[in-house]
Each structure stands twice: as C-alpha cells, then as structure tokens.
Amino acid sequence: MVKQKQMNYLKFLYASFMTPNREIAETFEDFGLMEYKHMMWAMNDMVKNNIEFDMDIDSIRNIKSENVNELIQKLITQIETSLENQNIDGIEETTLKRFKNDEEYMLNILKSLKDDTKITAFDEHKTLKNIEITPAQADSFNFFLIGETFKEYELITIYSYLKAHINDNVEAVNCFSDLASDSIYHLKRFAKYAAELGTLSFVRSVDKEKYQNVDMIDFLTENIEEEIGAEKECLILAEKIGNDDLSNFLLFISRQEVYHAELLNRALSHLKK
C-alpha cells in the first residue's frame, strides 16, 4: 500500500508540473498532496502494527503524455488501480475508509476533466515564459534543477520514513514534518521550472540504505553539513547565472537551506535527550 500511495502522489504531482492549464494543474497538485497524506497514514498504521515496508517505487515515466487528455486517462487508470489494491496488511479500517472516500471523489473529478492542450514539458526548448535567459544560463540552471529535483525527492522519502518510525518523539516528528513539507515545496518549484524549460526529468527509487537502519545522530549531523553546503551552492549558482529573476529565486532557496540546518539541529537535540 505504501508503494501504491507513493506512486499516486508522485504521478499526480508530475501531472501538475506537465499541465499548462493552471486550474487543472492545481487539481492534480491537490490530489498529489492528498495522496502523500495517505502514504503517511498508511506508514503510521504499519509501524504501529509492526508491519515492515520500504520506499521503493516503479518507474513513473509512463505518466509522460502528448496532451492533457491522454494524461487524464492515465491518472484515471492509476486511481482505479489504487481503489482495487488489496495489499492492506497493518492498515486500520478507518484509514482504508478514508482512502476509499477520497479516491472515489478524485475519480469522479478526473472523469469530468477535458483538455486537449499539447504538453511541452519534455521538448527541451529551454526558454522561460516571463524571464529572458541565454542558452548558457538555461543550461546552468537546468543542470542545477536536475540534481536538486532528485535530491529533494530523496529528502522527502527519508524524512517521511524517519518521521513514521520516531512518532513517539513529538518535537523531532515536528521537525521532520517541516523538513518534508519544505522539500515537497522545493521539488514542486524545481520541477515546474524544468517543465517550463521543457527539460522535466523523473525521479527514481531511493536506495534503502539511505533511510533503513540508519544511525539517526550520524544522519542528522551529516545532513546539517549538507544543508550548509547547499546554501553555498545556491549562492555560487546565483552569481554564475547572472539573471536577476533566477538569482532572487536561488537566494530565497539558499536562505531556506539555512533554516533547514536549524531544524535538523533541533531534531538532533531532541533525539539526544
């Protein structure tokens, strides 16, 4: 069930990145965030009931579509499959009822949508609608987006898994919740820019050793250093790109990385108690 929910939330988020129609894209994004909550509830129930799971996913490249109508049909199939999922070990009855209620609503909405707009998120045109950039600037920015998109997905996966497994430490759980939320936001921003450039790339499974049986203290200590390093990388890229609009965005992200390091420090102090 965790895998199904993870595939659901990723496919809906990617559908939102790909879709030019803002209203439909917002619907897909809402459903993606709802499916992320489903995943967390499933994980919490399974931890509570001592059912082991991992965060592996299959490829989500099959969500790639020529137009929005084709994409909608793929999402309908995704939710129909989810509603039929019988892998429910360790998940509470009330949780399953919520899943069913939400997804039946999603399915009803999806079947009402129609839009034959062409999808340009993969055509590599490397231009932005309201920002003038040179080919060199586009290439530098795109290289950053590819790496950071997967990094943020990796962090979402790790923080979500760890949060579910330390739910007896409220302060640390709150820190991981904030970190996962910010990583989702960063993933959305990076992927939306990539889609606008026509260079959207897909995330892949995170290696199990990244989140299973990790020493929590070592993990947090290492990631504090990584967040500080990420802040510096954003500052360097902002200067290198030399575009005011993109530089302001990168400076904004760099300041958030500083706060992430502070959140990791807080989680570390609570887990050391």
C-alpha atoms as a PDB file:
ATOM      1  CA  MET A   1       0.000   0.000   0.000  1.00  0.00           C
ATOM      2  CA  VAL A   2       2.856   2.413   0.775  1.00  0.00           C
ATOM      3  CA  LYS A   3       4.258   1.872  -2.714  1.00  0.00           C
ATOM      4  CA  GLN A   4       0.833   2.440  -4.296  1.00  0.00           C
ATOM      5  CA  LYS A   5       0.315   5.674  -2.391  1.00  0.00           C
ATOM      6  CA  GLN A   6       3.805   6.868  -3.185  1.00  0.00           C
ATOM      7  CA  MET A   7       3.270   6.197  -6.890  1.00  0.00           C
ATOM      8  CA  ASN A   8      -0.061   8.011  -6.683  1.00  0.00           C
ATOM      9  CA  TYR A   9       1.304  11.162  -5.119  1.00  0.00           C
ATOM     10  CA  LEU A  10       4.283  11.303  -7.477  1.00  0.00           C
ATOM     11  CA  LYS A  11       2.193  10.803 -10.610  1.00  0.00           C
ATOM     12  CA  PHE A  12      -0.270  13.486  -9.580  1.00  0.00           C
ATOM     13  CA  LEU A  13       2.491  15.948  -8.750  1.00  0.00           C
ATOM     14  CA  TYR A  14       4.230  15.254 -12.061  1.00  0.00           C
ATOM     15  CA  ALA A  15       0.909  15.630 -13.851  1.00  0.00           C
ATOM     16  CA  SER A  16       0.584  19.067 -12.244  1.00  0.00           C
ATOM     17  CA  PHE A  17       4.071  20.042 -13.472  1.00  0.00           C
ATOM     18  CA  MET A  18       3.266  18.905 -17.019  1.00  0.00           C
ATOM     19  CA  THR A  19      -0.165  20.526 -17.370  1.00  0.00           C
ATOM     20  CA  PRO A  20      -0.338  24.025 -18.921  1.00  0.00           C
ATOM     21  CA  ASN A  21      -3.928  24.617 -17.744  1.00  0.00           C
ATOM     22  CA  ARG A  22      -3.476  26.209 -14.315  1.00  0.00           C
ATOM     23  CA  GLU A  23      -6.860  25.148 -12.916  1.00  0.00           C
ATOM     24  CA  ILE A  24      -6.370  21.503 -13.885  1.00  0.00           C
ATOM     25  CA  ALA A  25      -2.750  21.593 -12.691  1.00  0.00           C
ATOM     26  CA  GLU A  26      -3.906  22.841  -9.280  1.00  0.00           C
ATOM     27  CA  THR A  27      -6.416  19.984  -9.083  1.00  0.00           C
ATOM     28  CA  PHE A  28      -3.653  17.462  -9.816  1.00  0.00           C
ATOM     29  CA  GLU A  29      -1.407  19.095  -7.211  1.00  0.00           C
ATOM     30  CA  ASP A  30      -4.167  18.977  -4.580  1.00  0.00           C
ATOM     31  CA  PHE A  31      -4.717  15.284  -5.289  1.00  0.00           C
ATOM     32  CA  GLY A  32      -0.976  14.626  -5.137  1.00  0.00           C
ATOM     33  CA  LEU A  33      -0.679  16.226  -1.705  1.00  0.00           C
ATOM     34  CA  MET A  34      -3.739  14.255  -0.567  1.00  0.00           C
ATOM     35  CA  GLU A  35      -2.097  11.023  -1.714  1.00  0.00           C
ATOM     36  CA  TYR A  36       1.084  11.987   0.156  1.00  0.00           C
ATOM     37  CA  LYS A  37      -1.029  12.245   3.323  1.00  0.00           C
ATOM     38  CA  HIS A  38      -2.497   8.832   2.516  1.00  0.00           C
ATOM     39  CA  MET A  39       1.032   7.439   2.275  1.00  0.00           C
ATOM     40  CA  MET A  40       1.947   8.870   5.686  1.00  0.00           C
ATOM     41  CA  TRP A  41      -1.202   7.493   7.306  1.00  0.00           C
ATOM     42  CA  ALA A  42      -0.511   4.055   5.813  1.00  0.00           C
ATOM     43  CA  MET A  43       3.074   4.187   7.083  1.00  0.00           C
ATOM     44  CA  ASN A  44       1.999   5.244  10.570  1.00  0.00           C
ATOM     45  CA  ASP A  45      -0.528   2.399  10.786  1.00  0.00           C
ATOM     46  CA  MET A  46       2.003  -0.153   9.542  1.00  0.00           C
ATOM     47  CA  VAL A  47       4.665   0.965  12.030  1.00  0.00           C
ATOM     48  CA  LYS A  48       2.075   0.828  14.817  1.00  0.00           C
ATOM     49  CA  ASN A  49       1.155  -2.737  13.793  1.00  0.00           C
ATOM     50  CA  ASN A  50       4.765  -3.883  13.262  1.00  0.00           C
ATOM     51  CA  ILE A  51       4.468  -4.367   9.501  1.00  0.00           C
ATOM     52  CA  GLU A  52       7.730  -3.731   7.646  1.00  0.00           C
ATOM     53  CA  PHE A  53       7.844  -1.758   4.393  1.00  0.00           C
ATOM     54  CA  ASP A  54      10.258   0.088   2.157  1.00  0.00           C
ATOM     55  CA  MET A  55      10.025   3.158  -0.065  1.00  0.00           C
ATOM     56  CA  ASP A  56      10.776   1.528  -3.422  1.00  0.00           C
ATOM     57  CA  ILE A  57       8.862   2.775  -6.451  1.00  0.00           C
ATOM     58  CA  ASP A  58       8.471   1.626 -10.026  1.00  0.00           C
ATOM     59  CA  SER A  59       9.326   3.966 -12.868  1.00  0.00           C
ATOM     60  CA  ILE A  60       6.828   6.799 -13.252  1.00  0.00           C
ATOM     61  CA  ARG A  61       7.924   7.581 -16.818  1.00  0.00           C
ATOM     62  CA  ASN A  62       4.704   6.057 -18.151  1.00  0.00           C
ATOM     63  CA  ILE A  63       2.881   9.190 -16.991  1.00  0.00           C
ATOM     64  CA  LYS A  64       4.579  11.057 -19.862  1.00  0.00           C
ATOM     65  CA  SER A  65       1.887  12.129 -22.329  1.00  0.00           C
ATOM     66  CA  GLU A  66       1.429  14.020 -25.584  1.00  0.00           C
ATOM     67  CA  ASN A  67      -1.551  16.035 -24.354  1.00  0.00           C
ATOM     68  CA  VAL A  68      -3.579  16.638 -21.208  1.00  0.00           C
ATOM     69  CA  ASN A  69      -6.489  14.357 -22.188  1.00  0.00           C
ATOM     70  CA  GLU A  70      -4.081  11.430 -22.504  1.00  0.00           C
ATOM     71  CA  LEU A  71      -2.608  12.349 -19.111  1.00  0.00           C
ATOM     72  CA  ILE A  72      -6.058  12.455 -17.512  1.00  0.00           C
ATOM     73  CA  GLN A  73      -6.827   8.942 -18.764  1.00  0.00           C
ATOM     74  CA  LYS A  74      -3.595   7.654 -17.252  1.00  0.00           C
ATOM     75  CA  LEU A  75      -4.471   9.213 -13.906  1.00  0.00           C
ATOM     76  CA  ILE A  76      -7.936   7.660 -14.025  1.00  0.00           C
ATOM     77  CA  THR A  77      -6.315   4.245 -14.518  1.00  0.00           C
ATOM     78  CA  GLN A  78      -3.918   4.983 -11.646  1.00  0.00           C
ATOM     79  CA  ILE A  79      -6.736   5.719  -9.211  1.00  0.00           C
ATOM     80  CA  GLU A  80      -8.859   2.793 -10.396  1.00  0.00           C
ATOM     81  CA  THR A  81      -5.870   0.532  -9.701  1.00  0.00           C
ATOM     82  CA  SER A  82      -5.392   2.145  -6.299  1.00  0.00           C
ATOM     83  CA  LEU A  83      -9.031   1.551  -5.357  1.00  0.00           C
ATOM     84  CA  GLU A  84      -8.593  -2.131  -6.211  1.00  0.00           C
ATOM     85  CA  ASN A  85      -5.379  -2.512  -4.171  1.00  0.00           C
ATOM     86  CA  GLN A  86      -5.771  -5.395  -1.717  1.00  0.00           C
ATOM     87  CA  ASN A  87      -2.362  -5.040  -0.053  1.00  0.00           C
ATOM     88  CA  ILE A  88      -3.791  -3.695   3.195  1.00  0.00           C
ATOM     89  CA  ASP A  89      -1.761  -5.523   5.883  1.00  0.00           C
ATOM     90  CA  GLY A  90      -1.394  -3.434   9.019  1.00  0.00           C
ATOM     91  CA  ILE A  91      -3.655  -0.593   7.883  1.00  0.00           C
ATOM     92  CA  GLU A  92      -6.569   0.386  10.130  1.00  0.00           C
ATOM     93  CA  GLU A  93     -10.131   0.092   8.848  1.00  0.00           C
ATOM     94  CA  THR A  94     -10.834   3.788   9.412  1.00  0.00           C
ATOM     95  CA  THR A  95      -7.758   4.690   7.346  1.00  0.00           C
ATOM     96  CA  LEU A  96      -8.881   2.447   4.477  1.00  0.00           C
ATOM     97  CA  LYS A  97     -12.332   4.038   4.517  1.00  0.00           C
ATOM     98  CA  ARG A  98     -10.729   7.487   4.219  1.00  0.00           C
ATOM     99  CA  PHE A  99      -8.611   6.296   1.277  1.00  0.00           C
ATOM    100  CA  LYS A 100     -11.693   4.927  -0.497  1.00  0.00           C
ATOM    101  CA  ASN A 101     -13.758   8.052   0.108  1.00  0.00           C
ATOM    102  CA  ASP A 102     -11.018  10.394  -1.120  1.00  0.00           C
ATOM    103  CA  GLU A 103     -10.156   8.368  -4.201  1.00  0.00           C
ATOM    104  CA  GLU A 104     -13.742   7.903  -5.274  1.00  0.00           C
ATOM    105  CA  TYR A 105     -14.037  11.689  -5.188  1.00  0.00           C
ATOM    106  CA  MET A 106     -10.799  12.075  -7.167  1.00  0.00           C
ATOM    107  CA  LEU A 107     -12.036   9.604  -9.767  1.00  0.00           C
ATOM    108  CA  ASN A 108     -15.295  11.496 -10.159  1.00  0.00           C
ATOM    109  CA  ILE A 109     -13.440  14.782 -10.704  1.00  0.00           C
ATOM    110  CA  LEU A 110     -10.911  13.258 -13.116  1.00  0.00           C
ATOM    111  CA  LYS A 111     -13.672  11.832 -15.292  1.00  0.00           C
ATOM    112  CA  SER A 112     -15.173  15.320 -15.630  1.00  0.00           C
ATOM    113  CA  LEU A 113     -11.943  16.912 -16.923  1.00  0.00           C
ATOM    114  CA  LYS A 114     -11.216  17.504 -20.593  1.00  0.00           C
ATOM    115  CA  ASP A 115      -8.325  19.406 -22.174  1.00  0.00           C
ATOM    116  CA  ASP A 116      -6.576  18.583 -25.450  1.00  0.00           C
ATOM    117  CA  THR A 117      -3.689  21.050 -24.865  1.00  0.00           C
ATOM    118  CA  LYS A 118      -0.293  19.790 -26.019  1.00  0.00           C
ATOM    119  CA  ILE A 119       2.251  19.047 -23.265  1.00  0.00           C
ATOM    120  CA  THR A 120       5.640  20.744 -23.803  1.00  0.00           C
ATOM    121  CA  ALA A 121       7.377  19.752 -20.555  1.00  0.00           C
ATOM    122  CA  PHE A 122       9.802  17.406 -22.354  1.00  0.00           C
ATOM    123  CA  ASP A 123      10.577  19.132 -25.682  1.00  0.00           C
ATOM    124  CA  GLU A 124      13.817  20.814 -24.486  1.00  0.00           C
ATOM    125  CA  HIS A 125      13.039  24.286 -25.841  1.00  0.00           C
ATOM    126  CA  LYS A 126      14.976  25.769 -22.866  1.00  0.00           C
ATOM    127  CA  THR A 127      13.148  29.078 -22.599  1.00  0.00           C
ATOM    128  CA  LEU A 128      11.073  30.597 -19.796  1.00  0.00           C
ATOM    129  CA  LYS A 129       7.792  32.424 -20.352  1.00  0.00           C
ATOM    130  CA  ASN A 130       8.450  35.625 -18.419  1.00  0.00           C
ATOM    131  CA  ILE A 131      12.221  35.532 -17.904  1.00  0.00           C
ATOM    132  CA  GLU A 132      14.779  36.178 -20.606  1.00  0.00           C
ATOM    133  CA  ILE A 133      17.723  33.804 -20.365  1.00  0.00           C
ATOM    134  CA  THR A 134      20.646  32.965 -22.620  1.00  0.00           C
ATOM    135  CA  PRO A 135      21.317  29.367 -23.710  1.00  0.00           C
ATOM    136  CA  ALA A 136      24.282  29.258 -21.305  1.00  0.00           C
ATOM    137  CA  GLN A 137      22.122  30.456 -18.408  1.00  0.00           C
ATOM    138  CA  ALA A 138      19.434  27.920 -19.309  1.00  0.00           C
ATOM    139  CA  ASP A 139      21.985  25.089 -19.356  1.00  0.00           C
ATOM    140  CA  SER A 140      23.458  26.080 -15.963  1.00  0.00           C
ATOM    141  CA  PHE A 141      20.021  26.407 -14.399  1.00  0.00           C
ATOM    142  CA  ASN A 142      18.811  23.139 -15.918  1.00  0.00           C
ATOM    143  CA  PHE A 143      21.846  21.236 -14.605  1.00  0.00           C
ATOM    144  CA  PHE A 144      21.046  22.550 -11.126  1.00  0.00           C
ATOM    145  CA  LEU A 145      17.342  21.612 -11.452  1.00  0.00           C
ATOM    146  CA  ILE A 146      18.034  18.004 -12.484  1.00  0.00           C
ATOM    147  CA  GLY A 147      20.249  17.336  -9.467  1.00  0.00           C
ATOM    148  CA  GLU A 148      18.139  19.237  -6.964  1.00  0.00           C
ATOM    149  CA  THR A 149      14.844  17.681  -8.050  1.00  0.00           C
ATOM    150  CA  PHE A 150      16.100  14.193  -7.221  1.00  0.00           C
ATOM    151  CA  LYS A 151      17.804  15.432  -4.050  1.00  0.00           C
ATOM    152  CA  GLU A 152      14.524  16.890  -2.787  1.00  0.00           C
ATOM    153  CA  TYR A 153      12.641  13.678  -3.595  1.00  0.00           C
ATOM    154  CA  GLU A 154      15.320  11.743  -1.731  1.00  0.00           C
ATOM    155  CA  LEU A 155      14.882  14.013   1.294  1.00  0.00           C
ATOM    156  CA  ILE A 156      11.064  13.707   1.157  1.00  0.00           C
ATOM    157  CA  THR A 157      11.463   9.926   1.194  1.00  0.00           C
ATOM    158  CA  ILE A 158      13.979   9.892   4.060  1.00  0.00           C
ATOM    159  CA  TYR A 159      12.190  12.431   6.253  1.00  0.00           C
ATOM    160  CA  SER A 160       8.827  10.722   5.719  1.00  0.00           C
ATOM    161  CA  TYR A 161      10.210   7.277   6.584  1.00  0.00           C
ATOM    162  CA  LEU A 162      12.061   8.524   9.660  1.00  0.00           C
ATOM    163  CA  LYS A 163       9.058  10.549  10.828  1.00  0.00           C
ATOM    164  CA  ALA A 164       6.866   7.442  10.765  1.00  0.00           C
ATOM    165  CA  HIS A 165       9.434   5.487  12.791  1.00  0.00           C
ATOM    166  CA  ILE A 166      10.042   8.035  15.568  1.00  0.00           C
ATOM    167  CA  ASN A 167       6.450   9.059  16.190  1.00  0.00           C
ATOM    168  CA  ASP A 168       6.980   8.818  19.962  1.00  0.00           C
ATOM    169  CA  ASN A 169       9.224  11.917  19.871  1.00  0.00           C
ATOM    170  CA  VAL A 170       6.824  14.770  19.129  1.00  0.00           C
ATOM    171  CA  GLU A 171       9.446  17.511  18.825  1.00  0.00           C
ATOM    172  CA  ALA A 172      11.580  15.538  16.361  1.00  0.00           C
ATOM    173  CA  VAL A 173       8.480  14.498  14.375  1.00  0.00           C
ATOM    174  CA  ASN A 174       7.514  18.174  14.053  1.00  0.00           C
ATOM    175  CA  CYS A 175      10.990  18.997  12.713  1.00  0.00           C
ATOM    176  CA  PHE A 176      10.820  16.174  10.159  1.00  0.00           C
ATOM    177  CA  SER A 177       7.302  17.264   9.158  1.00  0.00           C
ATOM    178  CA  ASP A 178       8.547  20.792   8.446  1.00  0.00           C
ATOM    179  CA  LEU A 179      11.560  19.460   6.545  1.00  0.00           C
ATOM    180  CA  ALA A 180       9.431  17.117   4.413  1.00  0.00           C
ATOM    181  CA  SER A 181       6.972  19.928   3.703  1.00  0.00           C
ATOM    182  CA  ASP A 182       9.765  22.264   2.575  1.00  0.00           C
ATOM    183  CA  SER A 183      11.308  19.542   0.423  1.00  0.00           C
ATOM    184  CA  ILE A 184       7.947  18.973  -1.280  1.00  0.00           C
ATOM    185  CA  TYR A 185       7.732  22.705  -1.936  1.00  0.00           C
ATOM    186  CA  HIS A 186      11.275  22.772  -3.361  1.00  0.00           C
ATOM    187  CA  LEU A 187      10.562  19.736  -5.532  1.00  0.00           C
ATOM    188  CA  LYS A 188       7.494  21.472  -6.936  1.00  0.00           C
ATOM    189  CA  ARG A 189       9.345  24.713  -7.673  1.00  0.00           C
ATOM    190  CA  PHE A 190      12.332  22.987  -9.300  1.00  0.00           C
ATOM    191  CA  ALA A 191      10.172  20.634 -11.361  1.00  0.00           C
ATOM    192  CA  LYS A 192       7.877  23.451 -12.506  1.00  0.00           C
ATOM    193  CA  TYR A 193      10.877  25.422 -13.749  1.00  0.00           C
ATOM    194  CA  ALA A 194      12.174  22.300 -15.519  1.00  0.00           C
ATOM    195  CA  ALA A 195       8.779  21.727 -17.152  1.00  0.00           C
ATOM    196  CA  GLU A 196       8.731  25.346 -18.286  1.00  0.00           C
ATOM    197  CA  LEU A 197      12.192  24.839 -19.827  1.00  0.00           C
ATOM    198  CA  GLY A 198      10.963  21.644 -21.490  1.00  0.00           C
ATOM    199  CA  THR A 199      13.506  19.559 -19.551  1.00  0.00           C
ATOM    200  CA  LEU A 200      11.381  17.834 -16.912  1.00  0.00           C
ATOM    201  CA  SER A 201      13.080  14.683 -15.584  1.00  0.00           C
ATOM    202  CA  PHE A 202      11.646  11.857 -13.490  1.00  0.00           C
ATOM    203  CA  VAL A 203      12.720  10.798 -10.016  1.00  0.00           C
ATOM    204  CA  ARG A 204      13.696   7.207  -9.264  1.00  0.00           C
ATOM    205  CA  SER A 205      13.793   4.915  -6.230  1.00  0.00           C
ATOM    206  CA  VAL A 206      15.959   5.945  -3.295  1.00  0.00           C
ATOM    207  CA  ASP A 207      18.483   3.355  -2.101  1.00  0.00           C
ATOM    208  CA  LYS A 208      17.236   1.603   1.050  1.00  0.00           C
ATOM    209  CA  GLU A 209      20.489   2.230   2.919  1.00  0.00           C
ATOM    210  CA  LYS A 210      19.660   5.929   2.781  1.00  0.00           C
ATOM    211  CA  TYR A 211      16.735   5.520   5.190  1.00  0.00           C
ATOM    212  CA  GLN A 212      16.612   1.993   6.663  1.00  0.00           C
ATOM    213  CA  ASN A 213      18.631   1.103   9.772  1.00  0.00           C
ATOM    214  CA  VAL A 214      20.422   4.444   9.787  1.00  0.00           C
ATOM    215  CA  ASP A 215      22.129   5.900  12.845  1.00  0.00           C
ATOM    216  CA  MET A 216      19.842   8.874  13.455  1.00  0.00           C
ATOM    217  CA  ILE A 217      22.501  11.011  15.156  1.00  0.00           C
ATOM    218  CA  ASP A 218      25.033  10.441  12.353  1.00  0.00           C
ATOM    219  CA  PHE A 219      22.383  11.077   9.696  1.00  0.00           C
ATOM    220  CA  LEU A 220      21.322  14.393  11.219  1.00  0.00           C
ATOM    221  CA  THR A 221      24.912  15.543  11.769  1.00  0.00           C
ATOM    222  CA  GLU A 222      25.855  14.777   8.151  1.00  0.00           C
ATOM    223  CA  ASN A 223      22.748  16.456   6.770  1.00  0.00           C
ATOM    224  CA  ILE A 224      23.359  19.637   8.746  1.00  0.00           C
ATOM    225  CA  GLU A 225      26.653  19.924   6.858  1.00  0.00           C
ATOM    226  CA  GLU A 226      24.896  19.138   3.562  1.00  0.00           C
ATOM    227  CA  GLU A 227      22.334  21.903   4.116  1.00  0.00           C
ATOM    228  CA  ILE A 228      25.104  24.398   4.801  1.00  0.00           C
ATOM    229  CA  GLY A 229      26.823  23.203   1.621  1.00  0.00           C
ATOM    230  CA  ALA A 230      23.565  23.537  -0.334  1.00  0.00           C
ATOM    231  CA  GLU A 231      23.248  27.153   0.796  1.00  0.00           C
ATOM    232  CA  LYS A 232      26.695  27.903  -0.628  1.00  0.00           C
ATOM    233  CA  GLU A 233      25.913  26.102  -3.904  1.00  0.00           C
ATOM    234  CA  CYS A 234      22.801  28.273  -4.395  1.00  0.00           C
ATOM    235  CA  LEU A 235      24.802  31.431  -3.757  1.00  0.00           C
ATOM    236  CA  ILE A 236      27.501  30.392  -6.229  1.00  0.00           C
ATOM    237  CA  LEU A 237      24.940  29.495  -8.909  1.00  0.00           C
ATOM    238  CA  ALA A 238      23.034  32.755  -8.350  1.00  0.00           C
ATOM    239  CA  GLU A 239      26.221  34.678  -9.089  1.00  0.00           C
ATOM    240  CA  LYS A 240      27.167  32.452 -12.028  1.00  0.00           C
ATOM    241  CA  ILE A 241      23.787  32.694 -13.769  1.00  0.00           C
ATOM    242  CA  GLY A 242      23.741  36.467 -13.549  1.00  0.00           C
ATOM    243  CA  ASN A 243      19.996  36.734 -14.109  1.00  0.00           C
ATOM    244  CA  ASP A 244      18.172  38.879 -11.552  1.00  0.00           C
ATOM    245  CA  ASP A 245      14.924  36.853 -11.514  1.00  0.00           C
ATOM    246  CA  LEU A 246      16.613  33.462 -11.195  1.00  0.00           C
ATOM    247  CA  SER A 247      19.221  34.820  -8.781  1.00  0.00           C
ATOM    248  CA  ASN A 248      16.467  36.085  -6.469  1.00  0.00           C
ATOM    249  CA  PHE A 249      14.845  32.648  -6.553  1.00  0.00           C
ATOM    250  CA  LEU A 250      18.160  30.948  -5.745  1.00  0.00           C
ATOM    251  CA  LEU A 251      18.872  33.375  -2.902  1.00  0.00           C
ATOM    252  CA  PHE A 252      15.421  32.592  -1.495  1.00  0.00           C
ATOM    253  CA  ILE A 253      16.201  28.859  -1.636  1.00  0.00           C
ATOM    254  CA  SER A 254      19.631  29.418  -0.048  1.00  0.00           C
ATOM    255  CA  ARG A 255      18.038  31.129   2.955  1.00  0.00           C
ATOM    256  CA  GLN A 256      15.660  28.202   3.368  1.00  0.00           C
ATOM    257  CA  GLU A 257      18.631  25.817   3.430  1.00  0.00           C
ATOM    258  CA  VAL A 258      19.968  27.747   6.450  1.00  0.00           C
ATOM    259  CA  TYR A 259      16.648  27.218   8.224  1.00  0.00           C
ATOM    260  CA  HIS A 260      16.724  23.515   7.324  1.00  0.00           C
ATOM    261  CA  ALA A 261      20.067  23.195   9.068  1.00  0.00           C
ATOM    262  CA  GLU A 262      18.467  24.795  12.128  1.00  0.00           C
ATOM    263  CA  LEU A 263      15.550  22.324  12.004  1.00  0.00           C
ATOM    264  CA  LEU A 264      17.989  19.418  11.778  1.00  0.00           C
ATOM    265  CA  ASN A 265      19.834  20.830  14.796  1.00  0.00           C
ATOM    266  CA  ARG A 266      16.564  20.966  16.717  1.00  0.00           C
ATOM    267  CA  ALA A 267      15.728  17.358  15.806  1.00  0.00           C
ATOM    268  CA  LEU A 268      19.237  16.332  16.835  1.00  0.00           C
ATOM    269  CA  SER A 269      18.923  17.995  20.231  1.00  0.00           C
ATOM    270  CA  HIS A 270      15.534  16.346  20.882  1.00  0.00           C
ATOM    271  CA  LEU A 271      16.757  12.873  19.877  1.00  0.00           C
ATOM    272  CA  LYS A 272      19.862  13.176  22.083  1.00  0.00           C
ATOM    273  CA  LYS A 273      17.704  13.692  25.201  1.00  0.00           C
END
